[in-house]
Amino acid sequence: MLLGCSAFSLSYATDKGQGVDTVVEVGGPGTLSQSIHACRIGGHISLIGVLTGVAGEVPTALAMSKNVTIKGITVGSRQEQQEMIAAIDANNIQPIIDSTFPLDQIAAAFRHQISQSHFGKICLALQ
């Protein structure tokens, strides 16, 4: 699974060669170089996974020349996730839904988000 590679390929297919704003990097050291290449100048990489290992080479000169920000993100354990879900269920916590858009109107959903006029979640209906 080379998700960083997919992001790299997508970058050059959709951004006119400028690079992407943000990469969610789940591969780790095996795909981090591709994610750095995929970023625009001043882009951001959220490093959330290490599927390809926990150590490897990082093209630091490229990251520095593009002013790429790499930020590690951690999530809780499976046990913590289960405890959170149980607490949400026990307290009947419900998200506030601002609006729902059909999937084919995803551009309108993003425009709504960009307008910052929403209060709560903006959802996409898959059906």
N, C-alpha and C. Protein backbone atom coordinates (compact mmCIF):
# COMPACT_ATOMS: atom_id res chain seq x y z
N MET A 1 0.85 -1.17 0.00
CA MET A 1 0.00 0.00 0.00
C MET A 1 0.90 1.23 0.00
N LEU A 2 0.92 1.98 -1.08
CA LEU A 2 1.77 3.15 -1.21
C LEU A 2 0.91 4.39 -1.36
N LEU A 3 0.30 4.82 -0.27
CA LEU A 3 -0.59 5.96 -0.35
C LEU A 3 0.16 7.25 -0.66
N GLY A 4 1.37 7.37 -0.15
CA GLY A 4 2.16 8.55 -0.50
C GLY A 4 2.38 8.63 -2.00
N CYS A 5 2.61 7.48 -2.61
CA CYS A 5 2.79 7.43 -4.07
C CYS A 5 1.52 7.86 -4.78
N SER A 6 0.37 7.44 -4.27
CA SER A 6 -0.89 7.84 -4.88
C SER A 6 -1.07 9.36 -4.78
N ALA A 7 -0.72 9.92 -3.64
CA ALA A 7 -0.84 11.37 -3.48
C ALA A 7 0.07 12.08 -4.47
N PHE A 8 1.27 11.55 -4.68
CA PHE A 8 2.22 12.14 -5.61
C PHE A 8 1.65 12.12 -7.02
N SER A 9 1.10 11.00 -7.44
CA SER A 9 0.52 10.89 -8.77
C SER A 9 -0.66 11.83 -8.93
N LEU A 10 -1.51 11.90 -7.91
CA LEU A 10 -2.67 12.78 -7.95
C LEU A 10 -2.24 14.25 -8.05
N SER A 11 -1.17 14.57 -7.35
CA SER A 11 -0.69 15.95 -7.36
C SER A 11 -0.46 16.45 -8.77
N TYR A 12 0.26 15.70 -9.56
CA TYR A 12 0.61 16.18 -10.87
C TYR A 12 -0.52 16.04 -11.88
N ALA A 13 -1.56 15.31 -11.50
CA ALA A 13 -2.71 15.19 -12.38
C ALA A 13 -3.72 16.31 -12.15
N THR A 14 -3.67 16.95 -10.98
CA THR A 14 -4.74 17.89 -10.64
C THR A 14 -4.29 19.31 -10.30
N ASP A 15 -3.01 19.54 -10.12
CA ASP A 15 -2.60 20.84 -9.59
C ASP A 15 -1.75 21.67 -10.54
N LYS A 16 -1.70 21.32 -11.80
CA LYS A 16 -0.93 22.05 -12.81
C LYS A 16 0.54 22.18 -12.42
N GLY A 17 1.06 21.17 -11.71
CA GLY A 17 2.47 21.14 -11.36
C GLY A 17 2.88 22.00 -10.19
N GLN A 18 1.96 22.63 -9.51
CA GLN A 18 2.31 23.50 -8.39
C GLN A 18 2.49 22.73 -7.09
N GLY A 19 1.94 21.54 -6.98
CA GLY A 19 2.00 20.75 -5.76
C GLY A 19 0.73 20.93 -4.94
N VAL A 20 0.52 20.03 -4.03
CA VAL A 20 -0.69 20.05 -3.21
C VAL A 20 -0.44 20.82 -1.92
N ASP A 21 -1.53 21.30 -1.32
CA ASP A 21 -1.43 22.03 -0.06
C ASP A 21 -1.10 21.09 1.10
N THR A 22 -1.78 19.96 1.15
CA THR A 22 -1.67 19.06 2.29
C THR A 22 -1.62 17.61 1.85
N VAL A 23 -0.73 16.84 2.48
CA VAL A 23 -0.66 15.41 2.27
C VAL A 23 -0.89 14.74 3.63
N VAL A 24 -1.79 13.76 3.67
CA VAL A 24 -1.95 12.92 4.85
C VAL A 24 -1.10 11.68 4.58
N GLU A 25 0.03 11.61 5.23
CA GLU A 25 1.04 10.58 4.97
C GLU A 25 0.84 9.42 5.93
N VAL A 26 0.42 8.28 5.41
CA VAL A 26 0.21 7.10 6.25
C VAL A 26 1.29 6.05 6.03
N GLY A 27 2.08 6.22 4.99
CA GLY A 27 3.09 5.22 4.66
C GLY A 27 4.33 5.29 5.52
N GLY A 28 4.73 6.49 5.88
CA GLY A 28 5.95 6.64 6.68
C GLY A 28 7.18 6.83 5.81
N PRO A 29 8.31 6.30 6.25
CA PRO A 29 9.56 6.57 5.56
C PRO A 29 9.62 6.07 4.13
N GLY A 30 8.87 5.04 3.80
CA GLY A 30 8.90 4.51 2.45
C GLY A 30 8.20 5.39 1.42
N THR A 31 7.34 6.28 1.87
CA THR A 31 6.60 7.14 0.94
C THR A 31 6.75 8.63 1.27
N LEU A 32 7.46 8.94 2.34
CA LEU A 32 7.61 10.34 2.75
C LEU A 32 8.27 11.20 1.68
N SER A 33 9.27 10.67 1.01
CA SER A 33 9.94 11.42 -0.05
C SER A 33 8.95 11.81 -1.15
N GLN A 34 8.08 10.87 -1.53
CA GLN A 34 7.09 11.16 -2.56
C GLN A 34 6.11 12.23 -2.09
N SER A 35 5.78 12.19 -0.81
CA SER A 35 4.87 13.20 -0.27
C SER A 35 5.51 14.58 -0.27
N ILE A 36 6.80 14.65 0.03
CA ILE A 36 7.50 15.93 0.00
C ILE A 36 7.53 16.45 -1.44
N HIS A 37 7.80 15.59 -2.40
CA HIS A 37 7.77 16.00 -3.80
C HIS A 37 6.39 16.50 -4.20
N ALA A 38 5.33 15.87 -3.67
CA ALA A 38 3.96 16.23 -4.04
C ALA A 38 3.52 17.57 -3.48
N CYS A 39 4.17 18.04 -2.42
CA CYS A 39 3.77 19.30 -1.78
C CYS A 39 4.16 20.51 -2.59
N ARG A 40 3.33 21.54 -2.50
CA ARG A 40 3.68 22.84 -3.06
C ARG A 40 4.69 23.51 -2.13
N ILE A 41 5.25 24.59 -2.55
CA ILE A 41 6.10 25.38 -1.66
C ILE A 41 5.22 25.86 -0.51
N GLY A 42 5.67 25.62 0.71
CA GLY A 42 4.90 25.99 1.89
C GLY A 42 3.82 24.98 2.25
N GLY A 43 3.85 23.80 1.60
CA GLY A 43 2.84 22.78 1.87
C GLY A 43 3.01 22.13 3.23
N HIS A 44 2.08 21.25 3.56
CA HIS A 44 2.04 20.63 4.87
C HIS A 44 1.86 19.12 4.73
N ILE A 45 2.61 18.36 5.51
CA ILE A 45 2.46 16.91 5.56
C ILE A 45 2.06 16.53 6.98
N SER A 46 0.92 15.84 7.10
CA SER A 46 0.49 15.29 8.38
C SER A 46 0.91 13.83 8.39
N LEU A 47 1.90 13.52 9.19
CA LEU A 47 2.46 12.17 9.27
C LEU A 47 1.71 11.39 10.34
N ILE A 48 0.82 10.51 9.89
CA ILE A 48 -0.03 9.80 10.83
C ILE A 48 0.28 8.31 10.88
N GLY A 49 1.03 7.80 9.93
CA GLY A 49 1.28 6.36 9.91
C GLY A 49 2.70 6.01 9.55
N VAL A 50 3.05 4.79 9.87
CA VAL A 50 4.38 4.27 9.56
C VAL A 50 4.26 2.86 9.00
N LEU A 51 3.42 2.71 7.98
CA LEU A 51 3.18 1.39 7.40
C LEU A 51 4.41 0.78 6.78
N THR A 52 5.36 1.60 6.35
CA THR A 52 6.57 1.08 5.70
C THR A 52 7.75 0.98 6.66
N GLY A 53 7.53 1.22 7.95
CA GLY A 53 8.60 1.14 8.93
C GLY A 53 8.68 2.40 9.77
N VAL A 54 9.62 2.39 10.71
CA VAL A 54 9.73 3.53 11.63
C VAL A 54 10.99 4.36 11.39
N ALA A 55 11.82 3.99 10.43
CA ALA A 55 13.03 4.75 10.15
C ALA A 55 13.33 4.70 8.66
N GLY A 56 13.98 5.75 8.18
CA GLY A 56 14.35 5.79 6.78
C GLY A 56 14.93 7.14 6.42
N GLU A 57 15.32 7.28 5.16
CA GLU A 57 15.91 8.53 4.69
C GLU A 57 14.84 9.56 4.40
N VAL A 58 15.15 10.80 4.73
CA VAL A 58 14.25 11.93 4.46
C VAL A 58 15.04 12.94 3.64
N PRO A 59 14.53 13.36 2.49
CA PRO A 59 15.23 14.36 1.68
C PRO A 59 15.10 15.74 2.33
N THR A 60 15.95 15.98 3.32
CA THR A 60 15.84 17.21 4.11
C THR A 60 16.07 18.47 3.27
N ALA A 61 16.99 18.42 2.31
CA ALA A 61 17.23 19.61 1.49
C ALA A 61 15.99 19.98 0.68
N LEU A 62 15.30 18.98 0.14
CA LEU A 62 14.07 19.24 -0.61
C LEU A 62 12.99 19.80 0.31
N ALA A 63 12.82 19.20 1.49
CA ALA A 63 11.82 19.67 2.44
C ALA A 63 12.10 21.12 2.84
N MET A 64 13.37 21.43 3.06
CA MET A 64 13.74 22.79 3.45
C MET A 64 13.55 23.77 2.29
N SER A 65 13.94 23.37 1.08
CA SER A 65 13.84 24.29 -0.05
C SER A 65 12.38 24.59 -0.41
N LYS A 66 11.49 23.65 -0.09
CA LYS A 66 10.06 23.87 -0.35
C LYS A 66 9.34 24.43 0.86
N ASN A 67 10.07 24.63 1.97
CA ASN A 67 9.46 25.11 3.22
C ASN A 67 8.27 24.25 3.62
N VAL A 68 8.43 22.94 3.49
CA VAL A 68 7.37 22.01 3.84
C VAL A 68 7.35 21.81 5.35
N THR A 69 6.15 21.83 5.92
CA THR A 69 5.96 21.54 7.33
C THR A 69 5.55 20.08 7.47
N ILE A 70 6.27 19.35 8.30
CA ILE A 70 5.93 17.95 8.57
C ILE A 70 5.55 17.87 10.04
N LYS A 71 4.32 17.44 10.29
CA LYS A 71 3.85 17.37 11.67
C LYS A 71 3.37 15.95 11.97
N GLY A 72 3.90 15.37 13.01
CA GLY A 72 3.47 14.05 13.43
C GLY A 72 2.14 14.12 14.16
N ILE A 73 1.27 13.18 13.86
CA ILE A 73 -0.04 13.12 14.50
C ILE A 73 -0.19 11.74 15.12
N THR A 74 -0.60 11.70 16.36
CA THR A 74 -0.84 10.42 17.01
C THR A 74 -2.32 10.28 17.34
N VAL A 75 -2.74 9.06 17.38
CA VAL A 75 -4.12 8.76 17.76
C VAL A 75 -4.05 7.78 18.93
N GLY A 76 -5.17 7.64 19.61
CA GLY A 76 -5.20 6.75 20.77
C GLY A 76 -5.18 5.29 20.37
N SER A 77 -5.17 4.47 21.37
CA SER A 77 -5.17 3.02 21.17
C SER A 77 -6.59 2.54 20.85
N ARG A 78 -6.70 1.30 20.46
CA ARG A 78 -8.02 0.70 20.19
C ARG A 78 -8.88 0.75 21.46
N GLN A 79 -8.27 0.46 22.60
CA GLN A 79 -8.99 0.50 23.87
C GLN A 79 -9.53 1.90 24.15
N GLU A 80 -8.71 2.92 23.91
CA GLU A 80 -9.17 4.30 24.12
C GLU A 80 -10.30 4.67 23.17
N GLN A 81 -10.24 4.19 21.94
CA GLN A 81 -11.32 4.42 20.97
C GLN A 81 -12.62 3.78 21.45
N GLN A 82 -12.52 2.54 21.93
CA GLN A 82 -13.71 1.85 22.42
C GLN A 82 -14.30 2.56 23.64
N GLU A 83 -13.44 3.05 24.52
CA GLU A 83 -13.92 3.78 25.70
C GLU A 83 -14.59 5.08 25.31
N MET A 84 -14.04 5.78 24.31
CA MET A 84 -14.64 7.03 23.86
C MET A 84 -16.02 6.76 23.25
N ILE A 85 -16.12 5.73 22.42
CA ILE A 85 -17.40 5.40 21.80
C ILE A 85 -18.43 5.04 22.87
N ALA A 86 -18.02 4.28 23.88
CA ALA A 86 -18.93 3.91 24.97
C ALA A 86 -19.40 5.16 25.71
N ALA A 87 -18.50 6.11 25.96
CA ALA A 87 -18.87 7.35 26.65
C ALA A 87 -19.83 8.19 25.81
N ILE A 88 -19.59 8.25 24.51
CA ILE A 88 -20.48 9.00 23.61
C ILE A 88 -21.87 8.38 23.62
N ASP A 89 -21.92 7.04 23.52
CA ASP A 89 -23.21 6.34 23.55
C ASP A 89 -23.91 6.52 24.88
N ALA A 90 -23.18 6.36 25.98
CA ALA A 90 -23.77 6.44 27.32
C ALA A 90 -24.36 7.82 27.60
N ASN A 91 -23.76 8.85 27.02
CA ASN A 91 -24.20 10.23 27.27
C ASN A 91 -25.04 10.79 26.14
N ASN A 92 -25.37 9.94 25.17
CA ASN A 92 -26.20 10.33 24.03
C ASN A 92 -25.68 11.61 23.35
N ILE A 93 -24.38 11.67 23.16
CA ILE A 93 -23.76 12.84 22.52
C ILE A 93 -24.00 12.74 21.02
N GLN A 94 -24.55 13.77 20.44
CA GLN A 94 -24.85 13.81 19.01
C GLN A 94 -24.12 15.00 18.37
N PRO A 95 -23.57 14.81 17.18
CA PRO A 95 -22.93 15.94 16.51
C PRO A 95 -23.98 16.94 16.02
N ILE A 96 -23.58 18.17 15.92
CA ILE A 96 -24.45 19.20 15.34
C ILE A 96 -24.22 19.18 13.84
N ILE A 97 -25.29 18.92 13.09
CA ILE A 97 -25.21 18.86 11.63
C ILE A 97 -25.70 20.19 11.07
N ASP A 98 -24.83 20.89 10.37
CA ASP A 98 -25.21 22.15 9.73
C ASP A 98 -25.98 21.88 8.45
N SER A 99 -25.42 21.02 7.59
CA SER A 99 -26.03 20.79 6.29
C SER A 99 -25.54 19.46 5.72
N THR A 100 -26.31 18.94 4.77
CA THR A 100 -25.95 17.71 4.08
C THR A 100 -26.07 17.95 2.57
N PHE A 101 -25.03 17.55 1.84
CA PHE A 101 -24.99 17.71 0.39
C PHE A 101 -24.90 16.33 -0.25
N PRO A 102 -25.58 16.13 -1.39
CA PRO A 102 -25.36 14.89 -2.14
C PRO A 102 -23.91 14.86 -2.63
N LEU A 103 -23.36 13.67 -2.78
CA LEU A 103 -21.96 13.54 -3.18
C LEU A 103 -21.66 14.28 -4.47
N ASP A 104 -22.60 14.32 -5.39
CA ASP A 104 -22.33 15.00 -6.66
C ASP A 104 -22.30 16.52 -6.51
N GLN A 105 -22.58 17.03 -5.31
CA GLN A 105 -22.49 18.46 -5.04
C GLN A 105 -21.37 18.78 -4.05
N ILE A 106 -20.32 17.96 -4.10
CA ILE A 106 -19.20 18.13 -3.18
C ILE A 106 -18.55 19.51 -3.32
N ALA A 107 -18.52 20.04 -4.54
CA ALA A 107 -17.94 21.38 -4.74
C ALA A 107 -18.74 22.42 -3.97
N ALA A 108 -20.06 22.29 -3.98
CA ALA A 108 -20.91 23.23 -3.23
C ALA A 108 -20.67 23.07 -1.73
N ALA A 109 -20.43 21.85 -1.27
CA ALA A 109 -20.14 21.62 0.15
C ALA A 109 -18.84 22.32 0.55
N PHE A 110 -17.83 22.21 -0.31
CA PHE A 110 -16.56 22.90 -0.02
C PHE A 110 -16.74 24.42 -0.05
N ARG A 111 -17.51 24.92 -0.99
CA ARG A 111 -17.77 26.38 -1.03
C ARG A 111 -18.46 26.82 0.26
N HIS A 112 -19.39 26.01 0.74
CA HIS A 112 -20.09 26.33 2.00
C HIS A 112 -19.09 26.36 3.15
N GLN A 113 -18.18 25.39 3.18
CA GLN A 113 -17.17 25.36 4.23
C GLN A 113 -16.26 26.59 4.14
N ILE A 114 -15.83 26.92 2.94
CA ILE A 114 -14.94 28.07 2.75
C ILE A 114 -15.62 29.37 3.17
N SER A 115 -16.94 29.43 3.00
CA SER A 115 -17.67 30.66 3.37
C SER A 115 -17.67 30.90 4.88
N GLN A 116 -17.37 29.87 5.65
CA GLN A 116 -17.34 29.94 7.11
C GLN A 116 -18.68 30.39 7.70
N SER A 117 -19.76 30.10 7.00
CA SER A 117 -21.07 30.47 7.51
C SER A 117 -21.77 29.29 8.18
N HIS A 118 -21.09 28.17 8.28
CA HIS A 118 -21.71 26.99 8.87
C HIS A 118 -21.49 26.95 10.38
N PHE A 119 -22.37 26.22 11.05
CA PHE A 119 -22.22 25.94 12.47
C PHE A 119 -22.49 24.45 12.63
N GLY A 120 -21.48 23.68 12.82
CA GLY A 120 -21.62 22.23 12.92
C GLY A 120 -21.02 21.55 11.71
N LYS A 121 -21.31 20.28 11.60
CA LYS A 121 -20.72 19.44 10.57
C LYS A 121 -21.38 19.66 9.22
N ILE A 122 -20.57 19.61 8.17
CA ILE A 122 -21.06 19.62 6.79
C ILE A 122 -20.89 18.19 6.30
N CYS A 123 -21.98 17.56 5.91
CA CYS A 123 -21.97 16.14 5.57
C CYS A 123 -22.18 15.92 4.08
N LEU A 124 -21.68 14.79 3.61
CA LEU A 124 -21.93 14.34 2.24
C LEU A 124 -22.76 13.07 2.30
N ALA A 125 -23.85 13.05 1.54
CA ALA A 125 -24.69 11.85 1.45
C ALA A 125 -24.20 10.98 0.31
N LEU A 126 -23.90 9.75 0.59
CA LEU A 126 -23.36 8.85 -0.42
C LEU A 126 -24.43 8.24 -1.30
N GLN A 127 -25.68 8.42 -0.94
CA GLN A 127 -26.75 7.83 -1.76
C GLN A 127 -27.76 8.87 -2.17
